Amino acid sequence: MDNAPRPRSPHVQVYRPQLTSVLSFGHRLSGIFLSLGAVLLVAWLLAAVTGSASFGYLNAGLGSLPGLALLFVWTLALFFHLCNGIRHLFWDAVIGFELRTIYLTGWIVVFASIGLTLVTWALALWQMG
């Protein structure tokens, strides 16, 4: 009996991430990020209702450069999760499983997420003056 350790599959040194695996990981990661952002949103709403000084503190934090970056990434995660979720709904209906379509819709998800995020932020900044 051989006591050599068995190779793991896929082997980390030879595995090359593909668009499908990156989008799958991104979908899970965006879901986690949205959940954490929802907790922050609830905290912000509670602080607004109580009228406490914590609302000003939270507003200042979210209005800072790191806070705006966090909100931007949260917006991107929202649109990515939405677009990729719509893609998965089509898959649930057994639509779009051809390899060419899988890659096409994957890139559509990426560009639509970025585009929707940029349009949303441009409109928000324009509205703020």
Protein backbone atom coordinates (compact mmCIF):
# COMPACT_ATOMS: atom_id res chain seq x y z
CA MET A 1 0.00 0.00 0.00
CA ASP A 2 1.35 3.37 -1.07
CA ASN A 3 1.35 6.07 1.65
CA ALA A 4 2.05 8.96 -0.74
CA PRO A 5 -0.44 11.83 -0.47
CA ARG A 6 -3.06 11.80 -3.18
CA PRO A 7 -3.15 14.74 -5.59
CA ARG A 8 -5.89 17.26 -5.13
CA SER A 9 -8.15 18.12 -8.00
CA PRO A 10 -7.95 20.63 -9.56
CA HIS A 11 -4.30 21.07 -8.69
CA VAL A 12 -3.74 24.65 -7.60
CA GLN A 13 -0.58 25.17 -9.63
CA VAL A 14 -2.12 24.08 -12.94
CA TYR A 15 -5.69 25.32 -12.55
CA ARG A 16 -6.50 28.38 -14.66
CA PRO A 17 -9.60 30.32 -13.55
CA GLN A 18 -12.26 30.57 -16.23
CA LEU A 19 -14.92 33.23 -16.66
CA THR A 20 -17.60 30.88 -15.34
CA SER A 21 -15.69 30.07 -12.15
CA VAL A 22 -14.78 33.71 -11.54
CA LEU A 23 -18.41 34.80 -11.99
CA SER A 24 -19.60 32.02 -9.70
CA PHE A 25 -17.16 33.09 -6.99
CA GLY A 26 -18.09 36.74 -7.58
CA HIS A 27 -21.79 35.93 -7.20
CA ARG A 28 -21.18 34.35 -3.80
CA LEU A 29 -18.87 37.18 -2.74
CA SER A 30 -21.35 39.85 -3.84
CA GLY A 31 -24.09 38.10 -1.85
CA ILE A 32 -21.94 38.21 1.29
CA PHE A 33 -21.05 41.86 0.66
CA LEU A 34 -24.72 42.76 0.15
CA SER A 35 -25.61 41.07 3.44
CA LEU A 36 -22.96 43.05 5.30
CA GLY A 37 -24.13 46.22 3.56
CA ALA A 38 -27.70 45.51 4.62
CA VAL A 39 -26.56 45.47 8.24
CA LEU A 40 -24.88 48.83 7.70
CA LEU A 41 -28.05 50.17 6.05
CA VAL A 42 -30.17 49.08 9.02
CA ALA A 43 -27.71 50.71 11.42
CA TRP A 44 -27.86 53.92 9.38
CA LEU A 45 -31.67 53.89 9.36
CA LEU A 46 -31.83 53.24 13.10
CA ALA A 47 -29.42 56.08 13.74
CA ALA A 48 -31.57 58.36 11.55
CA VAL A 49 -34.74 57.44 13.45
CA THR A 50 -33.20 57.97 16.87
CA GLY A 51 -31.80 61.34 15.84
CA SER A 52 -28.69 60.61 17.81
CA ALA A 53 -25.18 61.85 17.21
CA SER A 54 -24.38 58.43 15.76
CA PHE A 55 -26.31 59.43 12.63
CA GLY A 56 -23.96 62.33 12.04
CA TYR A 57 -21.00 60.08 12.71
CA LEU A 58 -22.24 57.45 10.29
CA ASN A 59 -23.10 60.06 7.66
CA ALA A 60 -19.64 61.57 7.95
CA GLY A 61 -18.06 58.16 7.63
CA LEU A 62 -20.09 57.24 4.56
CA GLY A 63 -19.40 60.65 3.02
CA SER A 64 -15.64 60.25 3.38
CA LEU A 65 -13.51 58.87 0.55
CA PRO A 66 -13.31 55.34 2.06
CA GLY A 67 -17.05 55.48 2.77
CA LEU A 68 -17.86 56.50 -0.79
CA ALA A 69 -15.59 53.75 -2.09
CA LEU A 70 -17.46 51.27 0.10
CA LEU A 71 -20.81 52.52 -1.21
CA PHE A 72 -19.53 52.32 -4.79
CA VAL A 73 -18.42 48.71 -4.35
CA TRP A 74 -21.73 47.94 -2.63
CA THR A 75 -23.59 49.38 -5.62
CA LEU A 76 -21.45 47.31 -7.99
CA ALA A 77 -22.15 44.19 -5.90
CA LEU A 78 -25.88 44.94 -6.02
CA PHE A 79 -25.98 45.23 -9.80
CA PHE A 80 -23.64 42.26 -10.33
CA HIS A 81 -25.75 40.06 -8.08
CA LEU A 82 -28.93 41.26 -9.82
CA CYS A 83 -27.62 40.70 -13.37
CA ASN A 84 -26.06 37.34 -12.56
CA GLY A 85 -29.26 36.33 -10.73
CA ILE A 86 -31.28 37.08 -13.85
CA ARG A 87 -28.82 34.93 -15.81
CA HIS A 88 -29.36 32.11 -13.33
CA LEU A 89 -33.14 32.43 -13.70
CA PHE A 90 -32.73 31.73 -17.40
CA TRP A 91 -30.57 28.73 -16.54
CA ASP A 92 -33.31 27.49 -14.20
CA ALA A 93 -35.60 27.54 -17.23
CA VAL A 94 -32.92 25.56 -19.13
CA ILE A 95 -32.18 28.49 -21.44
CA GLY A 96 -28.66 29.51 -22.45
CA PHE A 97 -26.56 26.45 -21.71
CA GLU A 98 -24.65 26.48 -24.98
CA LEU A 99 -20.99 27.21 -24.26
CA ARG A 100 -20.94 30.27 -26.52
CA THR A 101 -24.07 31.65 -24.82
CA ILE A 102 -22.65 31.00 -21.36
CA TYR A 103 -19.60 33.12 -22.13
CA LEU A 104 -21.61 35.80 -23.96
CA THR A 105 -24.05 36.22 -21.07
CA GLY A 106 -21.16 36.14 -18.61
CA TRP A 107 -19.55 39.13 -20.30
CA ILE A 108 -22.94 40.83 -20.55
CA VAL A 109 -23.27 40.46 -16.77
CA VAL A 110 -19.84 42.02 -16.22
CA PHE A 111 -20.39 45.00 -18.53
CA ALA A 112 -24.02 45.54 -17.50
CA SER A 113 -22.99 45.59 -13.82
CA ILE A 114 -20.27 48.14 -14.45
CA GLY A 115 -22.51 50.23 -16.72
CA LEU A 116 -25.45 50.27 -14.32
CA THR A 117 -23.16 51.21 -11.45
CA LEU A 118 -21.59 54.08 -13.37
CA VAL A 119 -24.97 55.38 -14.58
CA THR A 120 -26.40 55.19 -11.05
CA TRP A 121 -23.47 57.09 -9.55
CA ALA A 122 -23.46 59.66 -12.37
CA LEU A 123 -27.17 60.32 -11.81
CA ALA A 124 -26.71 60.52 -8.04
CA LEU A 125 -23.80 62.95 -8.33
CA TRP A 126 -25.66 65.00 -10.93
CA GLN A 127 -28.73 65.14 -8.66
CA MET A 128 -26.59 66.33 -5.74
CA GLY A 129 -25.31 69.17 -7.90
